[in-house]
Amino acid sequence: MDYGLNGKVVLVTGGSRGIGKASAVKFAEEGARVFITYSTNRDLACLTVDEIQQSGGFCKALQLSLDNRQSIDTAIEQINKENNQLDVLVNNAVFWGEETSIEDSSSERWFSVIDQTVKGTYLITRAAVPLMKQGKWGRLIHISSSLVRDGKPNETANLTSKAALHGFSRSLAVELATDGIYSNVVIPELTLSEWVSNVFPSNVLDGYAQSFPTRRLGTPEDVANLIVYLGSAANSFVNGEEIRVTGGK
């Protein structure tokens, strides 16, 4: 399938590992000029850049913190200066706060999670949209979590911040469709990333995989395949949707 991504400019926030990295790699394979962001770990981001460049793709890493408006504006300005366009934004970066019960939570820490994830996503999207309007075409993809529907104890801040993306995306989908800009949410289940493999024992992951109809966990690449489709010209009519990538779970 021709995704029509050759020469498109793509920004993937949090593109150093997991779903973000897999998406960056896939977009680059399709001929897009890819920019990824990192908050603090420049070395890890550079590994992704090197991997893509060694395969003949284009990738550049930009420092960006969701809680730093100046870093967001600087990143978008650099992309605009170098390309005079931005076609696809994947809002993948997230600030995941510590688990705590509602009564033990600190209001300061609770709102810091909301501030970074929700405000940061708003700021970078607001900065990106004018460039998409300039090109009369754009794709916004926001990465949520299946926990928004399923719930999890002690995660009110994290899941509230993720849930906000759903309303944000739906409103953008209606607002921007006539400008050729589509907005969708992707909702992965627990994904077998390198981080997950390092955190959870293999027997725990194997056991959890049995709860899936597919009898396996999804991979970052499974999720990236959908993200790239939604971010491409092949997606001619999917807008305002919330799409689960859960293997039927």
C-alpha atoms as a PDB file:
ATOM      1  CA  MET A   1       0.000   0.000   0.000  1.00  0.00           C
ATOM      2  CA  ASP A   2       1.222   3.475  -0.877  1.00  0.00           C
ATOM      3  CA  TYR A   3       0.723   5.585   2.229  1.00  0.00           C
ATOM      4  CA  GLY A   4       1.550   8.794   0.387  1.00  0.00           C
ATOM      5  CA  LEU A   5       4.074   9.772   3.050  1.00  0.00           C
ATOM      6  CA  ASN A   6       7.105  10.399   0.878  1.00  0.00           C
ATOM      7  CA  GLY A   7       8.329  13.909   1.676  1.00  0.00           C
ATOM      8  CA  LYS A   8       5.817  14.464   4.468  1.00  0.00           C
ATOM      9  CA  VAL A   9       7.155  15.937   7.712  1.00  0.00           C
ATOM     10  CA  VAL A  10       6.281  14.007  10.856  1.00  0.00           C
ATOM     11  CA  LEU A  11       6.806  14.878  14.517  1.00  0.00           C
ATOM     12  CA  VAL A  12       6.625  12.059  17.070  1.00  0.00           C
ATOM     13  CA  THR A  13       6.874  13.202  20.673  1.00  0.00           C
ATOM     14  CA  GLY A  14       8.562  10.711  22.966  1.00  0.00           C
ATOM     15  CA  GLY A  15      10.065   8.912  19.997  1.00  0.00           C
ATOM     16  CA  SER A  16      13.064   7.296  21.664  1.00  0.00           C
ATOM     17  CA  ARG A  17      11.510   3.957  22.577  1.00  0.00           C
ATOM     18  CA  GLY A  18       8.389   1.826  22.564  1.00  0.00           C
ATOM     19  CA  ILE A  19       5.427   2.905  20.467  1.00  0.00           C
ATOM     20  CA  GLY A  20       7.010   6.272  19.687  1.00  0.00           C
ATOM     21  CA  LYS A  21      10.178   4.723  18.321  1.00  0.00           C
ATOM     22  CA  ALA A  22       8.321   2.071  16.328  1.00  0.00           C
ATOM     23  CA  SER A  23       6.162   4.792  14.781  1.00  0.00           C
ATOM     24  CA  ALA A  24       9.176   6.933  13.905  1.00  0.00           C
ATOM     25  CA  VAL A  25      10.882   3.971  12.235  1.00  0.00           C
ATOM     26  CA  LYS A  26       7.763   3.082  10.236  1.00  0.00           C
ATOM     27  CA  PHE A  27       7.137   6.658   9.100  1.00  0.00           C
ATOM     28  CA  ALA A  28      10.763   6.917   7.956  1.00  0.00           C
ATOM     29  CA  GLU A  29      10.464   3.632   6.059  1.00  0.00           C
ATOM     30  CA  GLU A  30       7.571   5.206   4.165  1.00  0.00           C
ATOM     31  CA  GLY A  31       9.741   8.137   3.092  1.00  0.00           C
ATOM     32  CA  ALA A  32       8.712  10.751   5.650  1.00  0.00           C
ATOM     33  CA  ARG A  33      11.095  13.234   7.208  1.00  0.00           C
ATOM     34  CA  VAL A  34      10.830  12.317  10.872  1.00  0.00           C
ATOM     35  CA  PHE A  35      11.520  14.408  13.954  1.00  0.00           C
ATOM     36  CA  ILE A  36      11.395  12.834  17.396  1.00  0.00           C
ATOM     37  CA  THR A  37      11.495  14.522  20.774  1.00  0.00           C
ATOM     38  CA  TYR A  38      13.142  13.575  24.033  1.00  0.00           C
ATOM     39  CA  SER A  39      12.923  15.164  27.457  1.00  0.00           C
ATOM     40  CA  THR A  40      16.250  14.294  29.116  1.00  0.00           C
ATOM     41  CA  ASN A  41      17.792  11.166  27.566  1.00  0.00           C
ATOM     42  CA  ARG A  42      19.512  12.492  24.468  1.00  0.00           C
ATOM     43  CA  ASP A  43      21.670   9.375  24.074  1.00  0.00           C
ATOM     44  CA  LEU A  44      18.617   7.129  23.773  1.00  0.00           C
ATOM     45  CA  ALA A  45      17.060   9.460  21.217  1.00  0.00           C
ATOM     46  CA  CYS A  46      20.271   9.428  19.201  1.00  0.00           C
ATOM     47  CA  LEU A  47      20.135   5.637  19.019  1.00  0.00           C
ATOM     48  CA  THR A  48      16.756   5.899  17.302  1.00  0.00           C
ATOM     49  CA  VAL A  49      18.081   8.584  14.961  1.00  0.00           C
ATOM     50  CA  ASP A  50      21.105   6.441  14.079  1.00  0.00           C
ATOM     51  CA  GLU A  51      18.953   3.362  13.445  1.00  0.00           C
ATOM     52  CA  ILE A  52      16.715   5.247  11.037  1.00  0.00           C
ATOM     53  CA  GLN A  53      19.562   6.998   9.248  1.00  0.00           C
ATOM     54  CA  GLN A  54      21.502   3.758   8.825  1.00  0.00           C
ATOM     55  CA  SER A  55      18.450   2.349   7.053  1.00  0.00           C
ATOM     56  CA  GLY A  56      18.432   5.280   4.653  1.00  0.00           C
ATOM     57  CA  GLY A  57      15.736   7.348   6.342  1.00  0.00           C
ATOM     58  CA  PHE A  58      15.695  10.880   7.698  1.00  0.00           C
ATOM     59  CA  CYS A  59      15.404  11.500  11.418  1.00  0.00           C
ATOM     60  CA  LYS A  60      16.404  14.242  13.810  1.00  0.00           C
ATOM     61  CA  ALA A  61      16.001  14.461  17.597  1.00  0.00           C
ATOM     62  CA  LEU A  62      14.788  17.622  19.333  1.00  0.00           C
ATOM     63  CA  GLN A  63      14.773  18.331  23.061  1.00  0.00           C
ATOM     64  CA  LEU A  64      11.267  19.044  24.289  1.00  0.00           C
ATOM     65  CA  SER A  65       9.639  18.988  27.714  1.00  0.00           C
ATOM     66  CA  LEU A  66       5.866  18.960  28.004  1.00  0.00           C
ATOM     67  CA  ASP A  67       6.049  21.368  30.930  1.00  0.00           C
ATOM     68  CA  ASN A  68       8.291  23.842  29.108  1.00  0.00           C
ATOM     69  CA  ARG A  69       6.451  26.047  26.637  1.00  0.00           C
ATOM     70  CA  GLN A  70       9.667  27.558  25.304  1.00  0.00           C
ATOM     71  CA  SER A  71      11.056  24.140  24.365  1.00  0.00           C
ATOM     72  CA  ILE A  72       7.804  23.333  22.551  1.00  0.00           C
ATOM     73  CA  ASP A  73       7.842  26.590  20.589  1.00  0.00           C
ATOM     74  CA  THR A  74      11.532  26.159  19.779  1.00  0.00           C
ATOM     75  CA  ALA A  75      11.005  22.638  18.425  1.00  0.00           C
ATOM     76  CA  ILE A  76       8.121  23.680  16.166  1.00  0.00           C
ATOM     77  CA  GLU A  77      10.022  26.754  14.978  1.00  0.00           C
ATOM     78  CA  GLN A  78      13.025  24.599  14.050  1.00  0.00           C
ATOM     79  CA  ILE A  79      10.858  22.184  12.079  1.00  0.00           C
ATOM     80  CA  ASN A  80       9.216  25.083  10.266  1.00  0.00           C
ATOM     81  CA  LYS A  81      12.547  26.747   9.527  1.00  0.00           C
ATOM     82  CA  GLU A  82      14.048  23.566   8.072  1.00  0.00           C
ATOM     83  CA  ASN A  83      11.001  22.286   6.185  1.00  0.00           C
ATOM     84  CA  ASN A  84       8.410  25.059   5.940  1.00  0.00           C
ATOM     85  CA  GLN A  85       5.804  22.413   6.718  1.00  0.00           C
ATOM     86  CA  LEU A  86       4.548  19.962   9.327  1.00  0.00           C
ATOM     87  CA  ASP A  87       2.090  17.323   8.201  1.00  0.00           C
ATOM     88  CA  VAL A  88       1.729  14.791  11.000  1.00  0.00           C
ATOM     89  CA  LEU A  89       1.883  15.128  14.778  1.00  0.00           C
ATOM     90  CA  VAL A  90       1.893  12.044  16.995  1.00  0.00           C
ATOM     91  CA  ASN A  91       1.223  13.071  20.590  1.00  0.00           C
ATOM     92  CA  ASN A  92       2.904  10.124  22.252  1.00  0.00           C
ATOM     93  CA  ALA A  93       4.972  11.717  25.042  1.00  0.00           C
ATOM     94  CA  VAL A  94       3.398  11.580  28.470  1.00  0.00           C
ATOM     95  CA  PHE A  95       4.318  12.404  32.032  1.00  0.00           C
ATOM     96  CA  TRP A  96       3.321   9.351  34.078  1.00  0.00           C
ATOM     97  CA  GLY A  97       3.081  10.264  37.754  1.00  0.00           C
ATOM     98  CA  GLU A  98       3.527   8.009  40.756  1.00  0.00           C
ATOM     99  CA  GLU A  99       0.732   5.685  41.825  1.00  0.00           C
ATOM    100  CA  THR A 100      -1.085   6.910  44.920  1.00  0.00           C
ATOM    101  CA  SER A 101      -4.536   6.608  46.446  1.00  0.00           C
ATOM    102  CA  ILE A 102      -6.865   9.567  46.154  1.00  0.00           C
ATOM    103  CA  GLU A 103      -6.729  10.343  49.880  1.00  0.00           C
ATOM    104  CA  ASP A 104      -2.939  10.133  50.010  1.00  0.00           C
ATOM    105  CA  SER A 105      -2.369  12.108  46.844  1.00  0.00           C
ATOM    106  CA  SER A 106      -0.743  15.515  46.864  1.00  0.00           C
ATOM    107  CA  SER A 107      -2.790  18.106  44.992  1.00  0.00           C
ATOM    108  CA  GLU A 108       0.442  19.672  43.793  1.00  0.00           C
ATOM    109  CA  ARG A 109       1.730  16.417  42.281  1.00  0.00           C
ATOM    110  CA  TRP A 110      -1.731  15.497  40.974  1.00  0.00           C
ATOM    111  CA  PHE A 111      -2.093  18.732  39.046  1.00  0.00           C
ATOM    112  CA  SER A 112       1.496  18.545  37.806  1.00  0.00           C
ATOM    113  CA  VAL A 113       0.559  15.361  35.912  1.00  0.00           C
ATOM    114  CA  ILE A 114      -2.463  17.070  34.378  1.00  0.00           C
ATOM    115  CA  ASP A 115      -0.449  20.186  33.634  1.00  0.00           C
ATOM    116  CA  GLN A 116       2.318  18.369  31.807  1.00  0.00           C
ATOM    117  CA  THR A 117       0.301  15.858  29.806  1.00  0.00           C
ATOM    118  CA  VAL A 118      -2.791  17.917  28.993  1.00  0.00           C
ATOM    119  CA  LYS A 119      -1.271  21.383  28.811  1.00  0.00           C
ATOM    120  CA  GLY A 120       1.797  20.106  26.961  1.00  0.00           C
ATOM    121  CA  THR A 121      -0.336  18.298  24.383  1.00  0.00           C
ATOM    122  CA  TYR A 122      -2.461  21.408  23.930  1.00  0.00           C
ATOM    123  CA  LEU A 123       0.558  23.680  23.458  1.00  0.00           C
ATOM    124  CA  ILE A 124       2.322  21.507  20.902  1.00  0.00           C
ATOM    125  CA  THR A 125      -0.878  20.877  18.963  1.00  0.00           C
ATOM    126  CA  ARG A 126      -1.727  24.578  18.957  1.00  0.00           C
ATOM    127  CA  ALA A 127       1.733  25.330  17.572  1.00  0.00           C
ATOM    128  CA  ALA A 128       1.504  22.605  14.917  1.00  0.00           C
ATOM    129  CA  VAL A 129      -1.956  23.325  13.515  1.00  0.00           C
ATOM    130  CA  PRO A 130      -1.053  26.583  11.681  1.00  0.00           C
ATOM    131  CA  LEU A 131       1.629  24.719   9.722  1.00  0.00           C
ATOM    132  CA  MET A 132      -0.887  22.037   8.780  1.00  0.00           C
ATOM    133  CA  LYS A 133      -3.409  24.661   7.717  1.00  0.00           C
ATOM    134  CA  GLN A 134      -0.690  26.245   5.602  1.00  0.00           C
ATOM    135  CA  GLY A 135      -0.379  22.957   3.723  1.00  0.00           C
ATOM    136  CA  LYS A 136      -4.165  22.377   3.743  1.00  0.00           C
ATOM    137  CA  TRP A 137      -3.538  18.881   5.084  1.00  0.00           C
ATOM    138  CA  GLY A 138      -2.644  17.347   8.412  1.00  0.00           C
ATOM    139  CA  ARG A 139      -3.005  14.373  10.706  1.00  0.00           C
ATOM    140  CA  LEU A 140      -3.118  14.453  14.514  1.00  0.00           C
ATOM    141  CA  ILE A 141      -2.779  11.171  16.405  1.00  0.00           C
ATOM    142  CA  HIS A 142      -3.048  11.086  20.188  1.00  0.00           C
ATOM    143  CA  ILE A 143      -1.882   8.016  22.129  1.00  0.00           C
ATOM    144  CA  SER A 144      -4.141   7.079  25.029  1.00  0.00           C
ATOM    145  CA  SER A 145      -4.372   3.905  27.142  1.00  0.00           C
ATOM    146  CA  SER A 146      -6.867   1.071  27.572  1.00  0.00           C
ATOM    147  CA  LEU A 147      -6.753   1.857  31.290  1.00  0.00           C
ATOM    148  CA  VAL A 148      -8.920   4.906  30.608  1.00  0.00           C
ATOM    149  CA  ARG A 149     -11.813   2.518  30.024  1.00  0.00           C
ATOM    150  CA  ASP A 150     -10.764  -0.302  32.337  1.00  0.00           C
ATOM    151  CA  GLY A 151      -9.585   1.810  35.263  1.00  0.00           C
ATOM    152  CA  LYS A 152      -6.808   1.045  37.724  1.00  0.00           C
ATOM    153  CA  PRO A 153      -6.508   1.817  41.442  1.00  0.00           C
ATOM    154  CA  ASN A 154      -4.245   4.698  42.461  1.00  0.00           C
ATOM    155  CA  GLU A 155      -3.996   6.139  38.949  1.00  0.00           C
ATOM    156  CA  THR A 156      -6.513   8.996  39.018  1.00  0.00           C
ATOM    157  CA  ALA A 157      -4.083  11.665  37.816  1.00  0.00           C
ATOM    158  CA  ASN A 158      -2.574   9.580  35.036  1.00  0.00           C
ATOM    159  CA  LEU A 159      -5.886   8.301  33.707  1.00  0.00           C
ATOM    160  CA  THR A 160      -7.581  11.686  33.982  1.00  0.00           C
ATOM    161  CA  SER A 161      -4.814  13.192  31.860  1.00  0.00           C
ATOM    162  CA  LYS A 162      -5.162  10.437  29.257  1.00  0.00           C
ATOM    163  CA  ALA A 163      -8.958  10.676  29.222  1.00  0.00           C
ATOM    164  CA  ALA A 164      -8.693  14.388  28.462  1.00  0.00           C
ATOM    165  CA  LEU A 165      -7.052  13.535  25.142  1.00  0.00           C
ATOM    166  CA  HIS A 166     -10.292  11.928  23.965  1.00  0.00           C
ATOM    167  CA  GLY A 167     -12.365  15.093  24.293  1.00  0.00           C
ATOM    168  CA  PHE A 168      -9.500  17.175  22.946  1.00  0.00           C
ATOM    169  CA  SER A 169      -9.195  15.014  19.836  1.00  0.00           C
ATOM    170  CA  ARG A 170     -12.913  14.834  19.166  1.00  0.00           C
ATOM    171  CA  SER A 171     -13.254  18.602  19.303  1.00  0.00           C
ATOM    172  CA  LEU A 172     -10.281  19.063  16.967  1.00  0.00           C
ATOM    173  CA  ALA A 173     -11.735  16.526  14.536  1.00  0.00           C
ATOM    174  CA  VAL A 174     -14.890  18.588  14.147  1.00  0.00           C
ATOM    175  CA  GLU A 175     -13.111  21.936  14.166  1.00  0.00           C
ATOM    176  CA  LEU A 176     -10.374  21.184  11.646  1.00  0.00           C
ATOM    177  CA  ALA A 177     -11.887  18.718   9.168  1.00  0.00           C
ATOM    178  CA  THR A 178     -12.675  21.409   6.599  1.00  0.00           C
ATOM    179  CA  ASP A 179      -8.986  22.351   6.655  1.00  0.00           C
ATOM    180  CA  GLY A 180      -8.055  18.807   5.650  1.00  0.00           C
ATOM    181  CA  ILE A 181      -6.809  18.002   9.161  1.00  0.00           C
ATOM    182  CA  TYR A 182      -7.980  14.808  10.879  1.00  0.00           C
ATOM    183  CA  SER A 183      -7.622  13.947  14.550  1.00  0.00           C
ATOM    184  CA  ASN A 184      -7.847  10.456  16.057  1.00  0.00           C
ATOM    185  CA  VAL A 185      -7.031   8.643  19.289  1.00  0.00           C
ATOM    186  CA  VAL A 186      -5.171   5.324  19.414  1.00  0.00           C
ATOM    187  CA  ILE A 187      -5.780   3.203  22.515  1.00  0.00           C
ATOM    188  CA  PRO A 188      -3.199   0.448  23.089  1.00  0.00           C
ATOM    189  CA  GLU A 189      -3.351  -2.274  25.719  1.00  0.00           C
ATOM    190  CA  LEU A 190      -0.207  -3.284  27.618  1.00  0.00           C
ATOM    191  CA  THR A 191       2.393  -3.457  24.865  1.00  0.00           C
ATOM    192  CA  LEU A 192       5.426  -5.720  24.830  1.00  0.00           C
ATOM    193  CA  SER A 193       8.007  -2.960  24.687  1.00  0.00           C
ATOM    194  CA  GLU A 194      11.573  -3.266  25.903  1.00  0.00           C
ATOM    195  CA  TRP A 195      10.614  -1.354  29.053  1.00  0.00           C
ATOM    196  CA  VAL A 196       7.694  -3.684  29.816  1.00  0.00           C
ATOM    197  CA  SER A 197       9.899  -6.725  29.243  1.00  0.00           C
ATOM    198  CA  ASN A 198      12.436  -5.377  31.720  1.00  0.00           C
ATOM    199  CA  VAL A 199       9.868  -4.467  34.393  1.00  0.00           C
ATOM    200  CA  PHE A 200       7.632  -7.552  34.399  1.00  0.00           C
ATOM    201  CA  PRO A 201       8.847 -11.163  34.803  1.00  0.00           C
ATOM    202  CA  SER A 202       8.340 -13.265  31.682  1.00  0.00           C
ATOM    203  CA  ASN A 203       5.984 -15.667  33.466  1.00  0.00           C
ATOM    204  CA  VAL A 204       3.738 -12.741  34.446  1.00  0.00           C
ATOM    205  CA  LEU A 205       3.644 -11.473  30.861  1.00  0.00           C
ATOM    206  CA  ASP A 206       3.005 -14.969  29.513  1.00  0.00           C
ATOM    207  CA  GLY A 207       0.130 -15.393  31.933  1.00  0.00           C
ATOM    208  CA  TYR A 208      -1.376 -12.028  31.053  1.00  0.00           C
ATOM    209  CA  ALA A 209      -1.103 -12.819  27.345  1.00  0.00           C
ATOM    210  CA  GLN A 210      -3.483 -15.736  27.868  1.00  0.00           C
ATOM    211  CA  SER A 211      -6.258 -13.249  28.693  1.00  0.00           C
ATOM    212  CA  PHE A 212      -6.096 -11.973  25.102  1.00  0.00           C
ATOM    213  CA  PRO A 213      -8.069 -13.711  22.331  1.00  0.00           C
ATOM    214  CA  THR A 214      -4.839 -13.580  20.328  1.00  0.00           C
ATOM    215  CA  ARG A 215      -2.953 -15.278  23.192  1.00  0.00           C
ATOM    216  CA  ARG A 216      -0.170 -12.755  22.853  1.00  0.00           C
ATOM    217  CA  LEU A 217       0.589  -9.183  23.835  1.00  0.00           C
ATOM    218  CA  GLY A 218       0.726  -6.522  21.186  1.00  0.00           C
ATOM    219  CA  THR A 219       4.071  -5.094  20.138  1.00  0.00           C
ATOM    220  CA  PRO A 220       5.020  -1.461  19.562  1.00  0.00           C
ATOM    221  CA  GLU A 221       5.095  -2.302  15.862  1.00  0.00           C
ATOM    222  CA  ASP A 222       1.475  -3.516  15.983  1.00  0.00           C
ATOM    223  CA  VAL A 223       0.415  -0.126  17.310  1.00  0.00           C
ATOM    224  CA  ALA A 224       2.735   1.783  14.974  1.00  0.00           C
ATOM    225  CA  ASN A 225       1.114   0.184  11.926  1.00  0.00           C
ATOM    226  CA  LEU A 226      -2.198   1.799  12.861  1.00  0.00           C
ATOM    227  CA  ILE A 227      -0.591   5.122  13.758  1.00  0.00           C
ATOM    228  CA  VAL A 228       1.152   5.336  10.394  1.00  0.00           C
ATOM    229  CA  TYR A 229      -2.055   4.513   8.533  1.00  0.00           C
ATOM    230  CA  LEU A 230      -3.993   7.180  10.433  1.00  0.00           C
ATOM    231  CA  GLY A 231      -1.193   9.654   9.731  1.00  0.00           C
ATOM    232  CA  SER A 232      -1.099   8.966   6.025  1.00  0.00           C
ATOM    233  CA  ALA A 233      -2.879   9.966   2.835  1.00  0.00           C
ATOM    234  CA  ALA A 234      -4.266   6.427   2.726  1.00  0.00           C
ATOM    235  CA  ASN A 235      -6.504   7.549   5.574  1.00  0.00           C
ATOM    236  CA  SER A 236      -8.998   9.534   3.553  1.00  0.00           C
ATOM    237  CA  PHE A 237     -12.009   9.447   5.892  1.00  0.00           C
ATOM    238  CA  VAL A 238     -11.149   8.218   9.403  1.00  0.00           C
ATOM    239  CA  ASN A 239     -11.579  11.242  11.655  1.00  0.00           C
ATOM    240  CA  GLY A 240     -12.667  11.783  15.243  1.00  0.00           C
ATOM    241  CA  GLU A 241     -12.333   8.115  16.153  1.00  0.00           C
ATOM    242  CA  GLU A 242     -11.013   6.299  19.217  1.00  0.00           C
ATOM    243  CA  ILE A 243      -9.438   3.072  18.002  1.00  0.00           C
ATOM    244  CA  ARG A 244      -8.411   0.302  20.372  1.00  0.00           C
ATOM    245  CA  VAL A 245      -5.367  -1.853  19.590  1.00  0.00           C
ATOM    246  CA  THR A 246      -5.940  -4.699  22.006  1.00  0.00           C
ATOM    247  CA  GLY A 247      -6.054  -7.945  20.056  1.00  0.00           C
ATOM    248  CA  GLY A 248      -9.760  -8.148  20.845  1.00  0.00           C
ATOM    249  CA  LYS A 249      -9.384  -7.943  24.629  1.00  0.00           C
END
